[in-house]
């Protein structure tokens, strides 16, 4: 009786399992659509409020945009479209393009 049961149920279970796997793989990663907005590049405009300590080769500053305060991390790979690193001072107007994670922006382009 066990052999008949195994002979009938096991192939059916394998077929259903492989169909489910195909549907899962075709649908893509589970959280990709839900977190896609955080990995896209955006631009923010504001005023530099604080120059933070340099950590290794990465520099950072805080700036206010509207009612929110963001921290921007930038390094040698960051492109300055206008101005230079010498223009980063408290009170300076800044436009930051990069990716946001929490309240931290990884800057790819800076306009100071």
N, C-alpha and C. Protein backbone atom coordinates (compact mmCIF):
# COMPACT_ATOMS: atom_id res chain seq x y z
N UNK A 1 0.82 -1.19 0.00
CA UNK A 1 0.00 0.00 0.00
C UNK A 1 0.87 1.26 0.00
N UNK A 2 1.97 1.26 0.79
CA UNK A 2 2.86 2.41 0.83
C UNK A 2 3.51 2.63 -0.52
N UNK A 3 3.88 1.56 -1.23
CA UNK A 3 4.53 1.70 -2.54
C UNK A 3 3.58 2.32 -3.55
N UNK A 4 2.32 1.93 -3.53
CA UNK A 4 1.35 2.51 -4.46
C UNK A 4 1.15 3.99 -4.14
N UNK A 5 1.03 4.29 -2.87
CA UNK A 5 0.87 5.67 -2.44
C UNK A 5 2.06 6.52 -2.89
N UNK A 6 3.28 6.02 -2.67
CA UNK A 6 4.49 6.74 -3.07
C UNK A 6 4.57 6.87 -4.58
N UNK A 7 4.19 5.81 -5.30
CA UNK A 7 4.25 5.83 -6.76
C UNK A 7 3.26 6.84 -7.34
N UNK A 8 2.14 7.10 -6.69
CA UNK A 8 1.14 8.03 -7.20
C UNK A 8 1.34 9.46 -6.70
N UNK A 9 1.67 9.63 -5.44
CA UNK A 9 1.75 10.96 -4.84
C UNK A 9 3.08 11.66 -5.13
N UNK A 10 4.17 10.95 -5.09
CA UNK A 10 5.48 11.57 -5.27
C UNK A 10 5.63 12.27 -6.62
N UNK A 11 5.29 11.63 -7.77
CA UNK A 11 5.41 12.35 -9.03
C UNK A 11 4.50 13.58 -9.11
N UNK A 12 3.30 13.49 -8.56
CA UNK A 12 2.39 14.63 -8.58
C UNK A 12 2.95 15.78 -7.73
N UNK A 13 3.52 15.44 -6.60
CA UNK A 13 4.12 16.47 -5.74
C UNK A 13 5.31 17.14 -6.42
N UNK A 14 6.11 16.37 -7.13
CA UNK A 14 7.26 16.94 -7.85
C UNK A 14 6.81 17.87 -8.96
N UNK A 15 5.77 17.49 -9.69
CA UNK A 15 5.26 18.34 -10.77
C UNK A 15 4.72 19.65 -10.21
N UNK A 16 3.92 19.58 -9.17
CA UNK A 16 3.37 20.79 -8.57
C UNK A 16 4.47 21.65 -7.96
N UNK A 17 5.44 21.03 -7.34
CA UNK A 17 6.55 21.78 -6.77
C UNK A 17 7.38 22.49 -7.82
N UNK A 18 7.64 21.85 -8.95
CA UNK A 18 8.42 22.50 -10.00
C UNK A 18 7.65 23.62 -10.65
N UNK A 19 6.32 23.50 -10.77
CA UNK A 19 5.52 24.60 -11.30
C UNK A 19 5.57 25.80 -10.37
N UNK A 20 5.49 25.57 -9.09
CA UNK A 20 5.56 26.66 -8.13
C UNK A 20 6.92 27.34 -8.16
N UNK A 21 7.98 26.58 -8.34
CA UNK A 21 9.32 27.14 -8.43
C UNK A 21 9.45 28.02 -9.66
N UNK A 22 8.89 27.57 -10.78
CA UNK A 22 8.94 28.37 -12.01
C UNK A 22 8.22 29.69 -11.85
N UNK A 23 7.09 29.69 -11.20
CA UNK A 23 6.35 30.92 -10.97
C UNK A 23 7.12 31.84 -10.04
N UNK A 24 7.74 31.29 -9.01
CA UNK A 24 8.50 32.10 -8.07
C UNK A 24 9.71 32.74 -8.74
N UNK A 25 10.44 32.01 -9.55
CA UNK A 25 11.62 32.56 -10.22
C UNK A 25 11.24 33.61 -11.24
N UNK A 26 10.12 33.45 -11.92
CA UNK A 26 9.72 34.41 -12.94
C UNK A 26 9.24 35.72 -12.34
N UNK A 27 8.78 35.70 -11.10
CA UNK A 27 8.21 36.90 -10.51
C UNK A 27 9.27 37.89 -10.03
N UNK A 28 10.51 37.49 -9.84
CA UNK A 28 11.58 38.39 -9.42
C UNK A 28 11.77 38.38 -7.92
N UNK A 29 12.72 39.17 -7.41
CA UNK A 29 12.99 39.21 -5.98
C UNK A 29 11.78 39.73 -5.20
N UNK A 30 11.62 39.22 -3.99
CA UNK A 30 10.42 39.51 -3.21
C UNK A 30 10.23 40.99 -2.92
N UNK A 31 11.26 41.70 -2.48
CA UNK A 31 11.09 43.09 -2.09
C UNK A 31 11.55 44.09 -3.13
N UNK A 32 11.79 43.67 -4.36
CA UNK A 32 12.37 44.57 -5.35
C UNK A 32 11.45 45.73 -5.68
N UNK A 33 10.18 45.48 -5.91
CA UNK A 33 9.26 46.55 -6.28
C UNK A 33 8.98 47.47 -5.10
N UNK A 34 8.95 46.92 -3.93
CA UNK A 34 8.60 47.69 -2.76
C UNK A 34 9.71 48.66 -2.36
N UNK A 35 10.99 48.33 -2.61
CA UNK A 35 12.11 49.18 -2.23
C UNK A 35 12.79 49.84 -3.42
N UNK A 36 12.18 49.76 -4.60
CA UNK A 36 12.82 50.30 -5.79
C UNK A 36 13.00 51.81 -5.69
N UNK A 37 12.08 52.51 -5.03
CA UNK A 37 12.18 53.96 -4.94
C UNK A 37 13.39 54.41 -4.13
N UNK A 38 13.91 53.60 -3.25
CA UNK A 38 15.04 54.02 -2.43
C UNK A 38 16.37 53.87 -3.17
N UNK A 39 16.40 53.10 -4.24
CA UNK A 39 17.65 52.91 -4.95
C UNK A 39 17.76 53.80 -6.17
N UNK A 40 16.74 54.57 -6.46
CA UNK A 40 16.78 55.47 -7.61
C UNK A 40 17.50 56.77 -7.24
N UNK A 41 18.08 57.41 -8.23
CA UNK A 41 18.75 58.68 -8.01
C UNK A 41 17.72 59.81 -7.93
N UNK A 42 17.88 60.68 -6.96
CA UNK A 42 17.03 61.85 -6.80
C UNK A 42 17.91 63.05 -6.53
N UNK A 43 17.33 64.24 -6.60
CA UNK A 43 18.05 65.47 -6.28
C UNK A 43 17.35 66.18 -5.14
N UNK A 44 18.15 66.76 -4.25
CA UNK A 44 17.64 67.53 -3.13
C UNK A 44 18.35 68.88 -3.13
N UNK A 45 17.64 69.92 -2.73
CA UNK A 45 18.19 71.27 -2.66
C UNK A 45 18.07 71.76 -1.22
N UNK A 46 19.08 72.44 -0.74
CA UNK A 46 19.01 72.95 0.63
C UNK A 46 20.23 73.74 1.01
N UNK A 47 20.36 73.98 2.30
CA UNK A 47 21.46 74.76 2.86
C UNK A 47 22.27 73.89 3.82
N UNK A 48 23.58 73.95 3.68
CA UNK A 48 24.47 73.16 4.54
C UNK A 48 24.38 73.70 5.96
N UNK A 49 24.11 72.79 6.91
CA UNK A 49 23.97 73.21 8.30
C UNK A 49 25.15 72.77 9.18
N UNK A 50 25.89 71.73 8.76
CA UNK A 50 26.99 71.24 9.59
C UNK A 50 27.96 70.46 8.73
N UNK A 51 29.25 70.65 8.98
CA UNK A 51 30.29 69.86 8.33
C UNK A 51 30.66 68.75 9.31
N UNK A 52 30.49 67.51 8.91
CA UNK A 52 30.76 66.38 9.80
C UNK A 52 32.21 65.94 9.68
N UNK A 53 32.66 65.13 10.61
CA UNK A 53 34.04 64.64 10.62
C UNK A 53 34.29 63.73 9.42
N UNK A 54 35.52 63.78 8.92
CA UNK A 54 35.91 62.93 7.80
C UNK A 54 36.25 61.54 8.32
N UNK A 55 35.70 60.51 7.66
CA UNK A 55 35.98 59.13 8.06
C UNK A 55 36.72 58.43 6.92
N UNK A 56 38.03 58.29 7.09
CA UNK A 56 38.83 57.69 6.02
C UNK A 56 38.86 58.59 4.80
N UNK A 57 38.40 58.08 3.67
CA UNK A 57 38.36 58.87 2.44
C UNK A 57 36.99 59.48 2.19
N UNK A 58 36.03 59.22 3.08
CA UNK A 58 34.67 59.71 2.90
C UNK A 58 34.42 60.93 3.78
N UNK A 59 33.96 62.00 3.14
CA UNK A 59 33.58 63.21 3.86
C UNK A 59 32.07 63.27 3.95
N UNK A 60 31.55 64.06 4.87
CA UNK A 60 30.11 64.19 4.97
C UNK A 60 29.73 65.55 5.52
N UNK A 61 28.51 65.95 5.20
CA UNK A 61 27.94 67.17 5.76
C UNK A 61 26.44 66.97 5.91
N UNK A 62 25.85 67.78 6.77
CA UNK A 62 24.40 67.76 6.97
C UNK A 62 23.82 68.98 6.28
N UNK A 63 22.63 68.81 5.70
CA UNK A 63 21.96 69.96 5.12
C UNK A 63 20.46 69.84 5.31
N UNK A 64 19.81 70.99 5.34
CA UNK A 64 18.37 71.03 5.53
C UNK A 64 17.68 71.25 4.21
N UNK A 65 16.63 70.47 3.99
CA UNK A 65 15.81 70.62 2.80
C UNK A 65 14.36 70.60 3.27
N UNK A 66 13.73 71.76 3.27
CA UNK A 66 12.39 71.85 3.84
C UNK A 66 12.47 71.67 5.34
N UNK A 67 11.66 70.77 5.88
CA UNK A 67 11.68 70.52 7.32
C UNK A 67 12.55 69.33 7.69
N UNK A 68 13.21 68.72 6.72
CA UNK A 68 14.03 67.54 6.99
C UNK A 68 15.51 67.88 6.92
N UNK A 69 16.30 67.13 7.70
CA UNK A 69 17.76 67.26 7.67
C UNK A 69 18.35 65.95 7.19
N UNK A 70 19.20 66.03 6.17
CA UNK A 70 19.84 64.85 5.60
C UNK A 70 21.34 64.90 5.84
N UNK A 71 21.97 63.74 5.83
CA UNK A 71 23.43 63.64 5.91
C UNK A 71 23.90 63.14 4.55
N UNK A 72 24.87 63.84 3.97
CA UNK A 72 25.40 63.48 2.66
C UNK A 72 26.82 62.95 2.82
N UNK A 73 27.07 61.77 2.28
CA UNK A 73 28.42 61.20 2.25
C UNK A 73 28.95 61.33 0.83
N UNK A 74 30.17 61.83 0.71
CA UNK A 74 30.78 61.96 -0.61
C UNK A 74 32.26 61.63 -0.52
N UNK A 75 32.84 61.24 -1.65
CA UNK A 75 34.26 60.88 -1.69
C UNK A 75 34.87 61.35 -3.00
N UNK A 76 36.02 60.82 -3.36
CA UNK A 76 36.73 61.24 -4.57
C UNK A 76 35.97 60.91 -5.85
N UNK A 77 35.06 59.95 -5.80
CA UNK A 77 34.29 59.57 -6.99
C UNK A 77 33.07 60.47 -7.21
N UNK A 78 32.78 61.36 -6.28
CA UNK A 78 31.64 62.26 -6.41
C UNK A 78 31.98 63.36 -7.41
N UNK A 79 31.06 63.63 -8.32
CA UNK A 79 31.27 64.61 -9.38
C UNK A 79 30.71 65.97 -8.94
N UNK A 80 31.55 67.00 -9.00
CA UNK A 80 31.10 68.36 -8.71
C UNK A 80 30.69 69.01 -10.02
N UNK A 81 29.38 69.28 -10.21
CA UNK A 81 28.93 69.92 -11.45
C UNK A 81 29.24 71.41 -11.42
N UNK A 82 29.17 72.03 -10.24
CA UNK A 82 29.58 73.42 -10.05
C UNK A 82 30.28 73.50 -8.72
N UNK A 83 31.30 74.29 -8.63
CA UNK A 83 32.03 74.45 -7.38
C UNK A 83 33.01 73.32 -7.13
N UNK A 84 33.65 73.38 -5.97
CA UNK A 84 34.62 72.36 -5.56
C UNK A 84 34.39 72.02 -4.09
N UNK A 85 35.20 71.13 -3.57
CA UNK A 85 35.10 70.77 -2.16
C UNK A 85 35.37 71.96 -1.25
N UNK A 86 36.13 72.94 -1.74
CA UNK A 86 36.43 74.12 -0.94
C UNK A 86 35.18 74.99 -0.72
N UNK A 87 34.18 74.84 -1.57
CA UNK A 87 32.95 75.62 -1.45
C UNK A 87 31.97 75.06 -0.42
N UNK A 88 32.27 73.89 0.12
CA UNK A 88 31.38 73.29 1.11
C UNK A 88 31.62 73.96 2.45
N UNK A 89 30.73 74.87 2.79
CA UNK A 89 30.81 75.63 4.03
C UNK A 89 29.41 75.75 4.62
N UNK A 90 29.34 75.95 5.92
CA UNK A 90 28.05 76.12 6.58
C UNK A 90 27.35 77.34 6.00
N UNK A 91 26.08 77.16 5.63
CA UNK A 91 25.28 78.24 5.06
C UNK A 91 25.25 78.26 3.55
N UNK A 92 26.10 77.46 2.90
CA UNK A 92 26.14 77.45 1.44
C UNK A 92 24.94 76.69 0.88
N UNK A 93 24.43 77.16 -0.24
CA UNK A 93 23.35 76.46 -0.93
C UNK A 93 23.93 75.27 -1.67
N UNK A 94 23.22 74.14 -1.65
CA UNK A 94 23.75 72.93 -2.25
C UNK A 94 22.63 72.17 -2.94
N UNK A 95 22.98 71.52 -4.04
CA UNK A 95 22.10 70.57 -4.71
C UNK A 95 22.82 69.24 -4.71
N UNK A 96 22.18 68.22 -4.18
CA UNK A 96 22.78 66.89 -4.05
C UNK A 96 21.97 65.91 -4.89
N UNK A 97 22.67 65.14 -5.72
CA UNK A 97 22.05 64.04 -6.45
C UNK A 97 22.68 62.76 -5.94
N UNK A 98 21.84 61.78 -5.62
CA UNK A 98 22.35 60.52 -5.11
C UNK A 98 21.22 59.60 -4.69
N UNK A 99 21.58 58.59 -3.94
CA UNK A 99 20.60 57.61 -3.47
C UNK A 99 20.38 57.78 -1.97
N UNK A 100 19.13 57.68 -1.57
CA UNK A 100 18.73 57.90 -0.18
C UNK A 100 18.51 56.58 0.52
N UNK A 101 19.05 56.44 1.72
CA UNK A 101 18.78 55.29 2.58
C UNK A 101 18.58 55.83 3.98
N UNK A 102 17.35 55.77 4.46
CA UNK A 102 17.02 56.39 5.73
C UNK A 102 17.07 57.90 5.57
N UNK A 103 17.93 58.57 6.30
CA UNK A 103 18.14 60.00 6.16
C UNK A 103 19.55 60.30 5.66
N UNK A 104 20.21 59.29 5.08
CA UNK A 104 21.57 59.43 4.57
C UNK A 104 21.57 59.33 3.06
N UNK A 105 22.23 60.27 2.41
CA UNK A 105 22.33 60.30 0.95
C UNK A 105 23.75 59.97 0.55
N UNK A 106 23.91 58.99 -0.33
CA UNK A 106 25.23 58.70 -0.92
C UNK A 106 25.32 59.59 -2.16
N UNK A 107 26.06 60.68 -2.05
CA UNK A 107 26.12 61.67 -3.12
C UNK A 107 26.93 61.22 -4.31
N UNK A 108 26.36 61.37 -5.50
CA UNK A 108 27.08 61.09 -6.73
C UNK A 108 27.41 62.37 -7.48
N UNK A 109 26.56 63.40 -7.31
CA UNK A 109 26.81 64.71 -7.91
C UNK A 109 26.50 65.79 -6.90
N UNK A 110 27.38 66.78 -6.82
CA UNK A 110 27.20 67.90 -5.92
C UNK A 110 27.30 69.20 -6.70
N UNK A 111 26.45 70.13 -6.36
CA UNK A 111 26.45 71.46 -6.95
C UNK A 111 26.46 72.44 -5.79
N UNK A 112 27.64 73.05 -5.52
CA UNK A 112 27.78 73.94 -4.36
C UNK A 112 28.01 75.35 -4.83
